[in-house]
Amino acid sequence: MSEQQAKLYDFLMRKHTTLQNQINSIPQLSIEEQSRLVDINQKYNTENQEKVNVLTRQLMEVSLQLKNMF
């Protein structure tokens, strides 16, 4: 692996970790709120779910870039 590839790999890994941390920091609905919903898999309100979706797409893109490096 060249030095440039190593730097790119390090950058992508830091970005991946940052995105995961951002997703984990988004507040989830309480257990009581979740139990009242029809969709038992819904863990976020609408606004927060949109944020999670955007961050998850970015995370998938970074993961794909990492995968394509090898």
PDB file of N, CA and C in Angstrom:
ATOM      1  N   MET A   1       0.858  -1.175   0.000  1.00  0.00           N
ATOM      2  CA  MET A   1       0.000   0.000   0.000  1.00  0.00           C
ATOM      3  C   MET A   1       0.902   1.236   0.000  1.00  0.00           C
ATOM      4  N   SER A   2       0.630   2.121  -0.926  1.00  0.00           N
ATOM      5  CA  SER A   2       1.421   3.348  -1.010  1.00  0.00           C
ATOM      6  C   SER A   2       1.056   4.288   0.135  1.00  0.00           C
ATOM      7  N   GLU A   3       1.906   5.284   0.326  1.00  0.00           N
ATOM      8  CA  GLU A   3       1.652   6.253   1.403  1.00  0.00           C
ATOM      9  C   GLU A   3       0.348   7.003   1.151  1.00  0.00           C
ATOM     10  N   GLN A   4       0.077   7.316  -0.111  1.00  0.00           N
ATOM     11  CA  GLN A   4      -1.160   8.026  -0.452  1.00  0.00           C
ATOM     12  C   GLN A   4      -2.378   7.147  -0.146  1.00  0.00           C
ATOM     13  N   GLN A   5      -2.297   5.873  -0.469  1.00  0.00           N
ATOM     14  CA  GLN A   5      -3.406   4.965  -0.169  1.00  0.00           C
ATOM     15  C   GLN A   5      -3.589   4.816   1.332  1.00  0.00           C
ATOM     16  N   ALA A   6      -2.479   4.762   2.058  1.00  0.00           N
ATOM     17  CA  ALA A   6      -2.550   4.649   3.515  1.00  0.00           C
ATOM     18  C   ALA A   6      -3.230   5.869   4.120  1.00  0.00           C
ATOM     19  N   LYS A   7      -2.911   7.051   3.602  1.00  0.00           N
ATOM     20  CA  LYS A   7      -3.541   8.282   4.099  1.00  0.00           C
ATOM     21  C   LYS A   7      -5.036   8.282   3.782  1.00  0.00           C
ATOM     22  N   LEU A   8      -5.399   7.835   2.569  1.00  0.00           N
ATOM     23  CA  LEU A   8      -6.810   7.764   2.186  1.00  0.00           C
ATOM     24  C   LEU A   8      -7.543   6.767   3.074  1.00  0.00           C
ATOM     25  N   TYR A   9      -6.930   5.613   3.315  1.00  0.00           N
ATOM     26  CA  TYR A   9      -7.527   4.598   4.181  1.00  0.00           C
ATOM     27  C   TYR A   9      -7.758   5.165   5.586  1.00  0.00           C
ATOM     28  N   ASP A  10      -6.763   5.837   6.131  1.00  0.00           N
ATOM     29  CA  ASP A  10      -6.879   6.435   7.464  1.00  0.00           C
ATOM     30  C   ASP A  10      -7.998   7.471   7.499  1.00  0.00           C
ATOM     31  N   PHE A  11      -8.066   8.312   6.470  1.00  0.00           N
ATOM     32  CA  PHE A  11      -9.114   9.332   6.379  1.00  0.00           C
ATOM     33  C   PHE A  11     -10.494   8.676   6.338  1.00  0.00           C
ATOM     34  N   LEU A  12     -10.640   7.652   5.497  1.00  0.00           N
ATOM     35  CA  LEU A  12     -11.936   6.985   5.366  1.00  0.00           C
ATOM     36  C   LEU A  12     -12.340   6.280   6.664  1.00  0.00           C
ATOM     37  N   MET A  13     -11.377   5.689   7.353  1.00  0.00           N
ATOM     38  CA  MET A  13     -11.685   5.024   8.625  1.00  0.00           C
ATOM     39  C   MET A  13     -12.127   6.045   9.678  1.00  0.00           C
ATOM     40  N   ARG A  14     -11.468   7.188   9.717  1.00  0.00           N
ATOM     41  CA  ARG A  14     -11.880   8.242  10.663  1.00  0.00           C
ATOM     42  C   ARG A  14     -13.283   8.739  10.317  1.00  0.00           C
ATOM     43  N   LYS A  15     -13.555   8.910   9.029  1.00  0.00           N
ATOM     44  CA  LYS A  15     -14.878   9.368   8.596  1.00  0.00           C
ATOM     45  C   LYS A  15     -15.937   8.322   8.959  1.00  0.00           C
ATOM     46  N   HIS A  16     -15.613   7.064   8.753  1.00  0.00           N
ATOM     47  CA  HIS A  16     -16.526   5.970   9.083  1.00  0.00           C
ATOM     48  C   HIS A  16     -16.871   6.003  10.574  1.00  0.00           C
ATOM     49  N   THR A  17     -15.867   6.152  11.412  1.00  0.00           N
ATOM     50  CA  THR A  17     -16.075   6.204  12.857  1.00  0.00           C
ATOM     51  C   THR A  17     -16.901   7.429  13.244  1.00  0.00           C
ATOM     52  N   THR A  18     -16.603   8.557  12.636  1.00  0.00           N
ATOM     53  CA  THR A  18     -17.349   9.787  12.917  1.00  0.00           C
ATOM     54  C   THR A  18     -18.824   9.622  12.558  1.00  0.00           C
ATOM     55  N   LEU A  19     -19.097   9.036  11.397  1.00  0.00           N
ATOM     56  CA  LEU A  19     -20.485   8.828  10.977  1.00  0.00           C
ATOM     57  C   LEU A  19     -21.202   7.878  11.932  1.00  0.00           C
ATOM     58  N   GLN A  20     -20.543   6.812  12.343  1.00  0.00           N
ATOM     59  CA  GLN A  20     -21.155   5.889  13.298  1.00  0.00           C
ATOM     60  C   GLN A  20     -21.476   6.604  14.613  1.00  0.00           C
ATOM     61  N   ASN A  21     -20.557   7.419  15.079  1.00  0.00           N
ATOM     62  CA  ASN A  21     -20.781   8.162  16.319  1.00  0.00           C
ATOM     63  C   ASN A  21     -21.936   9.147  16.179  1.00  0.00           C
ATOM     64  N   GLN A  22     -22.049   9.789  15.010  1.00  0.00           N
ATOM     65  CA  GLN A  22     -23.152  10.725  14.781  1.00  0.00           C
ATOM     66  C   GLN A  22     -24.488   9.987  14.800  1.00  0.00           C
ATOM     67  N   ILE A  23     -24.541   8.824  14.167  1.00  0.00           N
ATOM     68  CA  ILE A  23     -25.777   8.039  14.167  1.00  0.00           C
ATOM     69  C   ILE A  23     -26.132   7.635  15.595  1.00  0.00           C
ATOM     70  N   ASN A  24     -25.142   7.177  16.341  1.00  0.00           N
ATOM     71  CA  ASN A  24     -25.391   6.735  17.720  1.00  0.00           C
ATOM     72  C   ASN A  24     -25.802   7.874  18.639  1.00  0.00           C
ATOM     73  N   SER A  25     -25.449   9.107  18.287  1.00  0.00           N
ATOM     74  CA  SER A  25     -25.789  10.244  19.148  1.00  0.00           C
ATOM     75  C   SER A  25     -27.194  10.790  18.898  1.00  0.00           C
ATOM     76  N   ILE A  26     -27.845  10.340  17.841  1.00  0.00           N
ATOM     77  CA  ILE A  26     -29.208  10.811  17.551  1.00  0.00           C
ATOM     78  C   ILE A  26     -30.162  10.143  18.533  1.00  0.00           C
ATOM     79  N   PRO A  27     -30.962  10.948  19.231  1.00  0.00           N
ATOM     80  CA  PRO A  27     -31.851  10.381  20.256  1.00  0.00           C
ATOM     81  C   PRO A  27     -32.921   9.460  19.664  1.00  0.00           C
ATOM     82  N   GLN A  28     -33.105   8.335  20.314  1.00  0.00           N
ATOM     83  CA  GLN A  28     -34.148   7.398  19.931  1.00  0.00           C
ATOM     84  C   GLN A  28     -35.409   7.684  20.732  1.00  0.00           C
ATOM     85  N   LEU A  29     -36.513   7.146  20.238  1.00  0.00           N
ATOM     86  CA  LEU A  29     -37.762   7.252  20.980  1.00  0.00           C
ATOM     87  C   LEU A  29     -37.655   6.423  22.250  1.00  0.00           C
ATOM     88  N   SER A  30     -38.386   6.825  23.254  1.00  0.00           N
ATOM     89  CA  SER A  30     -38.408   6.031  24.490  1.00  0.00           C
ATOM     90  C   SER A  30     -39.113   4.702  24.211  1.00  0.00           C
ATOM     91  N   ILE A  31     -38.922   3.754  25.089  1.00  0.00           N
ATOM     92  CA  ILE A  31     -39.578   2.446  24.962  1.00  0.00           C
ATOM     93  C   ILE A  31     -41.092   2.610  24.943  1.00  0.00           C
ATOM     94  N   GLU A  32     -41.595   3.522  25.755  1.00  0.00           N
ATOM     95  CA  GLU A  32     -43.042   3.755  25.803  1.00  0.00           C
ATOM     96  C   GLU A  32     -43.552   4.281  24.466  1.00  0.00           C
ATOM     97  N   GLU A  33     -42.801   5.221  23.892  1.00  0.00           N
ATOM     98  CA  GLU A  33     -43.207   5.773  22.594  1.00  0.00           C
ATOM     99  C   GLU A  33     -43.136   4.706  21.503  1.00  0.00           C
ATOM    100  N   GLN A  34     -42.095   3.908  21.536  1.00  0.00           N
ATOM    101  CA  GLN A  34     -41.950   2.848  20.541  1.00  0.00           C
ATOM    102  C   GLN A  34     -43.088   1.834  20.642  1.00  0.00           C
ATOM    103  N   SER A  35     -43.514   1.532  21.847  1.00  0.00           N
ATOM    104  CA  SER A  35     -44.561   0.524  22.039  1.00  0.00           C
ATOM    105  C   SER A  35     -45.919   0.992  21.529  1.00  0.00           C
ATOM    106  N   ARG A  36     -46.114   2.286  21.411  1.00  0.00           N
ATOM    107  CA  ARG A  36     -47.379   2.815  20.905  1.00  0.00           C
ATOM    108  C   ARG A  36     -47.442   2.856  19.387  1.00  0.00           C
ATOM    109  N   LEU A  37     -46.329   2.638  18.729  1.00  0.00           N
ATOM    110  CA  LEU A  37     -46.281   2.733  17.271  1.00  0.00           C
ATOM    111  C   LEU A  37     -46.682   1.421  16.625  1.00  0.00           C
ATOM    112  N   VAL A  38     -47.219   1.546  15.426  1.00  0.00           N
ATOM    113  CA  VAL A  38     -47.607   0.361  14.665  1.00  0.00           C
ATOM    114  C   VAL A  38     -46.361  -0.394  14.212  1.00  0.00           C
ATOM    115  N   ASP A  39     -45.366   0.327  13.733  1.00  0.00           N
ATOM    116  CA  ASP A  39     -44.116  -0.280  13.264  1.00  0.00           C
ATOM    117  C   ASP A  39     -43.203  -0.499  14.470  1.00  0.00           C
ATOM    118  N   ILE A  40     -43.041  -1.749  14.867  1.00  0.00           N
ATOM    119  CA  ILE A  40     -42.250  -2.040  16.062  1.00  0.00           C
ATOM    120  C   ILE A  40     -40.759  -1.796  15.861  1.00  0.00           C
ATOM    121  N   ASN A  41     -40.336  -1.630  14.602  1.00  0.00           N
ATOM    122  CA  ASN A  41     -38.931  -1.395  14.322  1.00  0.00           C
ATOM    123  C   ASN A  41     -38.568   0.090  14.294  1.00  0.00           C
ATOM    124  N   GLN A  42     -39.553   0.939  14.423  1.00  0.00           N
ATOM    125  CA  GLN A  42     -39.294   2.378  14.389  1.00  0.00           C
ATOM    126  C   GLN A  42     -38.681   2.813  15.709  1.00  0.00           C
ATOM    127  N   LYS A  43     -37.488   3.403  15.621  1.00  0.00           N
ATOM    128  CA  LYS A  43     -36.775   3.803  16.829  1.00  0.00           C
ATOM    129  C   LYS A  43     -36.574   5.305  16.933  1.00  0.00           C
ATOM    130  N   TYR A  44     -36.902   6.035  15.856  1.00  0.00           N
ATOM    131  CA  TYR A  44     -36.665   7.478  15.819  1.00  0.00           C
ATOM    132  C   TYR A  44     -37.929   8.197  15.382  1.00  0.00           C
ATOM    133  N   ASN A  45     -38.037   9.459  15.777  1.00  0.00           N
ATOM    134  CA  ASN A  45     -39.130  10.262  15.231  1.00  0.00           C
ATOM    135  C   ASN A  45     -38.798  10.555  13.763  1.00  0.00           C
ATOM    136  N   THR A  46     -39.720  11.154  13.051  1.00  0.00           N
ATOM    137  CA  THR A  46     -39.560  11.352  11.603  1.00  0.00           C
ATOM    138  C   THR A  46     -38.317  12.169  11.267  1.00  0.00           C
ATOM    139  N   GLU A  47     -38.126  13.253  11.975  1.00  0.00           N
ATOM    140  CA  GLU A  47     -36.972  14.130  11.714  1.00  0.00           C
ATOM    141  C   GLU A  47     -35.654  13.395  11.960  1.00  0.00           C
ATOM    142  N   ASN A  48     -35.576  12.711  13.078  1.00  0.00           N
ATOM    143  CA  ASN A  48     -34.348  11.999  13.400  1.00  0.00           C
ATOM    144  C   ASN A  48     -34.119  10.811  12.470  1.00  0.00           C
ATOM    145  N   GLN A  49     -35.210  10.172  12.023  1.00  0.00           N
ATOM    146  CA  GLN A  49     -35.061   9.055  11.089  1.00  0.00           C
ATOM    147  C   GLN A  49     -34.458   9.537   9.771  1.00  0.00           C
ATOM    148  N   GLU A  50     -34.855  10.724   9.336  1.00  0.00           N
ATOM    149  CA  GLU A  50     -34.283  11.291   8.111  1.00  0.00           C
ATOM    150  C   GLU A  50     -32.783  11.536   8.289  1.00  0.00           C
ATOM    151  N   LYS A  51     -32.402  12.057   9.462  1.00  0.00           N
ATOM    152  CA  LYS A  51     -30.980  12.277   9.740  1.00  0.00           C
ATOM    153  C   LYS A  51     -30.219  10.950   9.715  1.00  0.00           C
ATOM    154  N   VAL A  52     -30.794   9.931  10.346  1.00  0.00           N
ATOM    155  CA  VAL A  52     -30.162   8.609  10.378  1.00  0.00           C
ATOM    156  C   VAL A  52     -30.026   8.059   8.966  1.00  0.00           C
ATOM    157  N   ASN A  53     -31.049   8.239   8.148  1.00  0.00           N
ATOM    158  CA  ASN A  53     -30.999   7.743   6.772  1.00  0.00           C
ATOM    159  C   ASN A  53     -29.878   8.397   5.971  1.00  0.00           C
ATOM    160  N   VAL A  54     -29.739   9.705   6.109  1.00  0.00           N
ATOM    161  CA  VAL A  54     -28.680  10.427   5.394  1.00  0.00           C
ATOM    162  C   VAL A  54     -27.310   9.939   5.852  1.00  0.00           C
ATOM    163  N   LEU A  55     -27.126   9.856   7.152  1.00  0.00           N
ATOM    164  CA  LEU A  55     -25.838   9.418   7.693  1.00  0.00           C
ATOM    165  C   LEU A  55     -25.543   7.964   7.322  1.00  0.00           C
ATOM    166  N   THR A  56     -26.564   7.132   7.300  1.00  0.00           N
ATOM    167  CA  THR A  56     -26.379   5.731   6.932  1.00  0.00           C
ATOM    168  C   THR A  56     -25.958   5.603   5.474  1.00  0.00           C
ATOM    169  N   ARG A  57     -26.555   6.412   4.608  1.00  0.00           N
ATOM    170  CA  ARG A  57     -26.140   6.397   3.189  1.00  0.00           C
ATOM    171  C   ARG A  57     -24.674   6.822   3.054  1.00  0.00           C
ATOM    172  N   GLN A  58     -24.292   7.852   3.794  1.00  0.00           N
ATOM    173  CA  GLN A  58     -22.896   8.299   3.763  1.00  0.00           C
ATOM    174  C   GLN A  58     -21.976   7.199   4.287  1.00  0.00           C
ATOM    175  N   LEU A  59     -22.407   6.524   5.330  1.00  0.00           N
ATOM    176  CA  LEU A  59     -21.626   5.433   5.911  1.00  0.00           C
ATOM    177  C   LEU A  59     -21.460   4.300   4.896  1.00  0.00           C
ATOM    178  N   MET A  60     -22.504   3.993   4.166  1.00  0.00           N
ATOM    179  CA  MET A  60     -22.434   2.946   3.146  1.00  0.00           C
ATOM    180  C   MET A  60     -21.474   3.336   2.025  1.00  0.00           C
ATOM    181  N   GLU A  61     -21.482   4.614   1.647  1.00  0.00           N
ATOM    182  CA  GLU A  61     -20.566   5.088   0.602  1.00  0.00           C
ATOM    183  C   GLU A  61     -19.117   4.957   1.052  1.00  0.00           C
ATOM    184  N   VAL A  62     -18.841   5.343   2.292  1.00  0.00           N
ATOM    185  CA  VAL A  62     -17.485   5.235   2.829  1.00  0.00           C
ATOM    186  C   VAL A  62     -17.068   3.765   2.900  1.00  0.00           C
ATOM    187  N   SER A  63     -17.979   2.908   3.338  1.00  0.00           N
ATOM    188  CA  SER A  63     -17.678   1.477   3.420  1.00  0.00           C
ATOM    189  C   SER A  63     -17.365   0.912   2.047  1.00  0.00           C
ATOM    190  N   LEU A  64     -18.100   1.348   1.040  1.00  0.00           N
ATOM    191  CA  LEU A  64     -17.846   0.888  -0.326  1.00  0.00           C
ATOM    192  C   LEU A  64     -16.485   1.364  -0.813  1.00  0.00           C
ATOM    193  N   GLN A  65     -16.148   2.607  -0.510  1.00  0.00           N
ATOM    194  CA  GLN A  65     -14.829   3.136  -0.888  1.00  0.00           C
ATOM    195  C   GLN A  65     -13.724   2.339  -0.219  1.00  0.00           C
ATOM    196  N   LEU A  66     -13.908   1.999   1.046  1.00  0.00           N
ATOM    197  CA  LEU A  66     -12.917   1.197   1.763  1.00  0.00           C
ATOM    198  C   LEU A  66     -12.792  -0.188   1.129  1.00  0.00           C
ATOM    199  N   LYS A  67     -13.927  -0.767   0.801  1.00  0.00           N
ATOM    200  CA  LYS A  67     -13.921  -2.105   0.201  1.00  0.00           C
ATOM    201  C   LYS A  67     -13.205  -2.096  -1.146  1.00  0.00           C
ATOM    202  N   ASN A  68     -13.416  -1.044  -1.916  1.00  0.00           N
ATOM    203  CA  ASN A  68     -12.814  -0.944  -3.257  1.00  0.00           C
ATOM    204  C   ASN A  68     -11.318  -0.676  -3.224  1.00  0.00           C
ATOM    205  N   MET A  69     -10.797  -0.335  -2.065  1.00  0.00           N
ATOM    206  CA  MET A  69      -9.357  -0.091  -1.954  1.00  0.00           C
ATOM    207  C   MET A  69      -8.575  -1.401  -2.030  1.00  0.00           C
ATOM    208  N   PHE A  70      -9.264  -2.510  -1.742  1.00  0.00           N
ATOM    209  CA  PHE A  70      -8.558  -3.796  -1.684  1.00  0.00           C
ATOM    210  C   PHE A  70      -9.061  -4.771  -2.695  1.00  0.00           C
TER     211      PHE A  70
END
